[in-house]
Amino acid sequence: MGDWWYRNILEPGKLPLLLALASFVLTFVITRVITRLIRAGKGPFGNVKTGGVHIHHVVPGVILTVVGGFGSVAGGGHGFGTMVSAVLFGMGVGLVLDEFALILHLDDVYWSEQGRKSVEVVAITAALGGLVLLGFVPFGVNDLSEEELQDRGAVISSVAGNFLIALLALSKGKARLAIFGVIVPLIALIGAVRLARPGSPWAKRFYRRRPRARARSSLRAYRHDRRWSGPRRRLEDLIGGRPDPIPTRLPEG
């Protein structure tokens, strides 16, 4: 264990990344617990207000992110100050991304269906950070030998090819596969070779005059969503809390 810690964390200088990632995940979890307690009216916690204005936790998150980011740069990647800055940066990012939906919609949608985007972004960020920490280099170029490192053309071709595959998957509406495919090779290929989701740029461009392809795309998307939307929704409810029900409007007159 000690040898693994030295070779994979200390020697490559990944300790700040580990601290930032750990503080990021821990801050998100603690924040969600506190906000759910506030929502349920339990515990000593409450919303922070000043002058009648609700101070969302994205505000201290931005401050911590700025302080931690500049502190990490000033520390040069070494020393106790850099480690503290990495923790502050992770805490700040956790607070900011927990309210990602608020930033996206410019509205307080924390407990709405739109607020689920925050949980998704946090999960993707944590996963990508973990992959980088475990040694995956962006675009899938990792564990290169000396000969491969000398062959710059092969490296550039690998980077460009994997990136183009990820873009193809993204154009087909497979955003998650595209994002993870940038880090791990061949994952984006799954989304690139399969039918595009209805409404995606690829479907609008190439399925416009192909009714059978549009029908197959819609049917496959329906089956996929029906199979995975339930488990994904339950997982998101477990992590982030169940959204408020959408109020029904009574008919006028």
Protein backbone atom coordinates (compact mmCIF):
# COMPACT_ATOMS: atom_id res chain seq x y z
CA MET A 1 0.00 0.00 0.00
CA GLY A 2 2.84 2.37 0.84
CA ASP A 3 4.55 1.69 -2.47
CA TRP A 4 1.30 2.26 -4.38
CA TRP A 5 0.72 5.53 -2.49
CA TYR A 6 4.18 6.80 -3.34
CA ARG A 7 4.21 5.74 -7.00
CA ASN A 8 0.66 6.79 -7.86
CA ILE A 9 -0.02 9.76 -5.57
CA LEU A 10 3.10 11.34 -4.11
CA GLU A 11 5.64 10.87 -6.89
CA PRO A 12 3.45 12.19 -9.74
CA GLY A 13 2.31 15.09 -7.54
CA LYS A 14 -1.35 14.06 -7.34
CA LEU A 15 -1.82 14.70 -3.63
CA PRO A 16 -3.42 18.15 -4.23
CA LEU A 17 -5.78 16.57 -6.75
CA LEU A 18 -6.71 13.87 -4.25
CA LEU A 19 -7.38 16.46 -1.53
CA ALA A 20 -9.41 18.63 -3.89
CA LEU A 21 -11.49 15.68 -5.10
CA ALA A 22 -12.10 14.37 -1.58
CA SER A 23 -13.11 17.78 -0.24
CA PHE A 24 -15.31 18.32 -3.31
CA VAL A 25 -17.28 15.10 -2.77
CA LEU A 26 -17.45 15.54 1.02
CA THR A 27 -18.65 19.14 0.71
CA PHE A 28 -21.37 18.14 -1.73
CA VAL A 29 -22.58 15.32 0.53
CA ILE A 30 -22.60 17.53 3.66
CA THR A 31 -24.34 20.35 1.78
CA ARG A 32 -27.06 18.03 0.51
CA VAL A 33 -27.62 16.64 4.00
CA ILE A 34 -27.94 20.13 5.48
CA THR A 35 -30.27 21.40 2.74
CA ARG A 36 -32.51 18.37 3.15
CA LEU A 37 -32.66 18.96 6.90
CA ILE A 38 -33.57 22.60 6.28
CA ARG A 39 -36.24 21.52 3.83
CA ALA A 40 -37.69 19.08 6.37
CA GLY A 41 -37.55 21.66 9.16
CA LYS A 42 -35.21 19.55 11.27
CA GLY A 43 -31.99 20.37 13.07
CA PRO A 44 -30.45 23.71 13.96
CA PHE A 45 -29.80 24.76 10.37
CA GLY A 46 -31.59 27.44 8.38
CA ASN A 47 -31.29 29.55 5.26
CA VAL A 48 -28.80 32.40 5.39
CA LYS A 49 -30.45 35.76 4.79
CA THR A 50 -29.22 39.32 5.00
CA GLY A 51 -31.39 42.34 4.36
CA GLY A 52 -34.17 40.07 3.14
CA VAL A 53 -31.91 38.49 0.51
CA HIS A 54 -31.40 34.71 0.52
CA ILE A 55 -27.66 34.05 0.26
CA HIS A 56 -27.30 30.87 -1.77
CA HIS A 57 -24.31 28.69 -0.96
CA VAL A 58 -22.99 29.24 -4.47
CA VAL A 59 -21.77 32.65 -3.19
CA PRO A 60 -19.30 31.30 -0.58
CA GLY A 61 -18.54 28.58 -3.12
CA VAL A 62 -17.32 31.13 -5.65
CA ILE A 63 -15.21 32.84 -2.98
CA LEU A 64 -13.60 29.57 -1.88
CA THR A 65 -12.97 28.56 -5.50
CA VAL A 66 -11.22 31.86 -6.25
CA VAL A 67 -9.13 31.75 -3.06
CA GLY A 68 -8.23 28.09 -3.52
CA GLY A 69 -7.44 28.46 -7.21
CA PHE A 70 -5.15 31.44 -6.80
CA GLY A 71 -3.59 29.86 -3.72
CA SER A 72 -2.79 26.68 -5.64
CA VAL A 73 -1.17 28.65 -8.47
CA ALA A 74 0.84 30.75 -6.03
CA GLY A 75 1.98 27.66 -4.14
CA GLY A 76 3.55 26.13 -7.22
CA GLY A 77 2.05 22.71 -6.54
CA HIS A 78 4.11 22.04 -3.42
CA GLY A 79 4.01 22.78 0.27
CA PHE A 80 1.39 23.02 2.97
CA GLY A 81 -0.18 26.13 1.46
CA THR A 82 -0.89 24.31 -1.79
CA MET A 83 -2.56 21.45 0.09
CA VAL A 84 -4.78 23.86 2.00
CA SER A 85 -5.61 25.70 -1.22
CA ALA A 86 -6.55 22.41 -2.89
CA VAL A 87 -8.98 21.65 -0.06
CA LEU A 88 -10.50 25.14 -0.30
CA PHE A 89 -10.79 24.80 -4.06
CA GLY A 90 -12.55 21.43 -3.76
CA MET A 91 -14.95 22.82 -1.16
CA GLY A 92 -15.72 25.81 -3.37
CA VAL A 93 -16.37 23.68 -6.45
CA GLY A 94 -18.63 21.41 -4.41
CA LEU A 95 -20.74 24.37 -3.30
CA VAL A 96 -20.84 25.92 -6.77
CA LEU A 97 -21.77 22.75 -8.67
CA ASP A 98 -24.39 21.86 -6.08
CA GLU A 99 -26.24 24.89 -7.42
CA PHE A 100 -25.24 24.42 -11.04
CA ALA A 101 -28.92 24.37 -12.07
CA LEU A 102 -29.44 27.77 -10.43
CA ILE A 103 -26.58 29.21 -12.48
CA LEU A 104 -27.86 27.54 -15.65
CA HIS A 105 -31.46 28.68 -15.32
CA LEU A 106 -30.79 31.89 -13.37
CA ASP A 107 -33.61 30.83 -11.07
CA ASP A 108 -33.97 29.03 -7.74
CA VAL A 109 -34.73 25.56 -9.13
CA TYR A 110 -32.89 23.65 -6.40
CA TRP A 111 -35.84 21.40 -5.49
CA SER A 112 -37.38 21.18 -8.96
CA GLU A 113 -36.90 18.77 -11.84
CA GLN A 114 -34.42 21.23 -13.38
CA GLY A 115 -32.42 21.03 -10.16
CA ARG A 116 -31.49 17.44 -10.96
CA LYS A 117 -28.92 18.82 -13.39
CA SER A 118 -26.78 19.80 -10.40
CA VAL A 119 -26.61 16.20 -9.19
CA GLU A 120 -25.75 14.96 -12.68
CA VAL A 121 -22.96 17.52 -13.11
CA VAL A 122 -21.52 16.71 -9.68
CA ALA A 123 -21.54 12.98 -10.45
CA ILE A 124 -19.82 13.48 -13.81
CA THR A 125 -17.23 15.83 -12.30
CA ALA A 126 -16.43 13.40 -9.49
CA ALA A 127 -16.13 10.52 -11.96
CA LEU A 128 -13.83 12.44 -14.30
CA GLY A 129 -11.71 13.61 -11.37
CA GLY A 130 -11.42 10.03 -10.16
CA LEU A 131 -10.37 8.82 -13.61
CA VAL A 132 -7.65 11.46 -13.83
CA LEU A 133 -6.50 10.58 -10.32
CA LEU A 134 -6.26 6.89 -11.24
CA GLY A 135 -3.94 7.70 -14.11
CA PHE A 136 -6.13 8.21 -17.17
CA VAL A 137 -4.82 11.04 -19.32
CA PRO A 138 -7.33 13.10 -21.33
CA PHE A 139 -8.19 11.75 -24.78
CA GLY A 140 -7.20 8.25 -23.73
CA VAL A 141 -3.46 8.62 -24.34
CA ASN A 142 -1.91 7.04 -21.26
CA ASP A 143 0.76 4.50 -20.31
CA LEU A 144 2.82 5.32 -23.40
CA SER A 145 6.16 3.64 -23.91
CA GLU A 146 9.33 5.52 -24.83
CA GLU A 147 8.91 4.60 -28.49
CA GLU A 148 5.32 5.83 -28.48
CA LEU A 149 6.32 9.07 -26.81
CA GLN A 150 8.89 9.63 -29.54
CA ASP A 151 6.31 9.02 -32.25
CA ARG A 152 4.50 12.33 -31.95
CA GLY A 153 2.45 11.64 -35.04
CA ALA A 154 0.86 8.55 -33.53
CA VAL A 155 0.05 10.44 -30.33
CA ILE A 156 -1.56 13.32 -32.20
CA SER A 157 -3.55 10.90 -34.37
CA SER A 158 -4.79 9.05 -31.30
CA VAL A 159 -5.83 12.28 -29.59
CA ALA A 160 -7.57 13.65 -32.68
CA GLY A 161 -9.30 10.38 -33.50
CA ASN A 162 -10.66 9.86 -30.00
CA PHE A 163 -11.79 13.48 -29.81
CA LEU A 164 -13.63 13.21 -33.14
CA ILE A 165 -15.38 10.05 -31.95
CA ALA A 166 -16.45 11.89 -28.80
CA LEU A 167 -17.79 14.76 -30.92
CA LEU A 168 -19.73 12.29 -33.06
CA ALA A 169 -21.28 10.72 -29.97
CA LEU A 170 -22.17 14.19 -28.69
CA SER A 171 -23.83 15.10 -32.00
CA LYS A 172 -25.97 11.97 -31.63
CA GLY A 173 -27.25 13.15 -28.26
CA LYS A 174 -25.07 10.82 -26.15
CA ALA A 175 -23.57 13.50 -23.92
CA ARG A 176 -22.51 11.22 -21.04
CA LEU A 177 -20.77 8.73 -23.34
CA ALA A 178 -19.05 11.60 -25.14
CA ILE A 179 -17.75 13.15 -21.92
CA PHE A 180 -16.39 9.90 -20.53
CA GLY A 181 -15.10 8.94 -23.97
CA VAL A 182 -12.77 11.93 -23.92
CA ILE A 183 -11.06 10.38 -20.90
CA VAL A 184 -11.42 6.64 -21.52
CA PRO A 185 -10.89 5.41 -25.10
CA LEU A 186 -13.61 3.45 -26.93
CA ILE A 187 -16.43 4.47 -24.57
CA ALA A 188 -17.53 7.22 -26.95
CA LEU A 189 -17.40 4.69 -29.78
CA ILE A 190 -20.51 3.03 -28.31
CA GLY A 191 -22.49 6.24 -28.71
CA ALA A 192 -20.92 7.01 -32.08
CA VAL A 193 -21.97 3.77 -33.81
CA ARG A 194 -25.49 3.52 -32.37
CA LEU A 195 -28.59 5.32 -33.56
CA ALA A 196 -28.85 8.98 -32.67
CA ARG A 197 -31.41 10.12 -30.14
CA PRO A 198 -34.43 11.94 -31.57
CA GLY A 199 -33.97 15.68 -31.50
CA SER A 200 -30.18 15.45 -31.61
CA PRO A 201 -28.24 17.42 -34.27
CA TRP A 202 -27.37 14.17 -36.07
CA ALA A 203 -31.02 13.05 -36.19
CA LYS A 204 -32.18 16.43 -37.45
CA ARG A 205 -29.56 16.42 -40.19
CA PHE A 206 -29.54 12.79 -41.40
CA TYR A 207 -32.90 11.33 -40.34
CA ARG A 208 -35.03 14.10 -41.79
CA ARG A 209 -35.84 12.11 -44.94
CA ARG A 210 -35.54 8.67 -43.38
CA PRO A 211 -38.82 7.92 -41.59
CA ARG A 212 -37.78 4.38 -40.69
CA ALA A 213 -34.58 5.64 -39.04
CA ARG A 214 -36.59 8.27 -37.13
CA ALA A 215 -39.04 5.63 -35.96
CA ARG A 216 -36.27 3.26 -34.84
CA SER A 217 -34.50 6.13 -33.07
CA SER A 218 -37.64 7.15 -31.20
CA LEU A 219 -38.45 3.55 -30.24
CA ARG A 220 -34.93 2.85 -29.01
CA ALA A 221 -34.83 6.09 -27.01
CA TYR A 222 -38.24 5.26 -25.49
CA ARG A 223 -37.11 1.77 -24.47
CA HIS A 224 -33.84 3.08 -23.06
CA ASP A 225 -35.53 5.83 -21.05
CA ARG A 226 -38.22 3.46 -19.79
CA ARG A 227 -35.59 0.98 -18.64
CA TRP A 228 -33.16 3.41 -17.00
CA SER A 229 -35.16 6.49 -16.05
CA GLY A 230 -36.66 4.78 -13.00
CA PRO A 231 -33.36 3.58 -11.46
CA ARG A 232 -31.66 6.87 -12.35
CA ARG A 233 -34.48 8.86 -10.78
CA ARG A 234 -34.37 6.79 -7.58
CA LEU A 235 -30.61 7.23 -7.36
CA GLU A 236 -30.91 10.99 -7.89
CA ASP A 237 -33.65 11.16 -5.24
CA LEU A 238 -31.40 9.28 -2.84
CA ILE A 239 -28.45 11.60 -3.46
CA GLY A 240 -30.09 14.96 -3.98
CA GLY A 241 -33.58 14.62 -2.54
CA ARG A 242 -36.95 14.29 -4.25
CA PRO A 243 -38.04 17.36 -6.25
CA ASP A 244 -41.14 19.29 -5.30
CA PRO A 245 -44.25 18.13 -7.18
CA ILE A 246 -45.30 20.31 -10.07
CA PRO A 247 -48.47 22.16 -9.04
CA THR A 248 -51.48 21.34 -11.18
CA ARG A 249 -53.46 24.24 -12.58
CA LEU A 250 -57.21 24.05 -12.23
CA PRO A 251 -59.23 24.83 -15.37
CA GLU A 252 -60.45 28.41 -15.46
CA GLY A 253 -64.11 29.29 -15.54
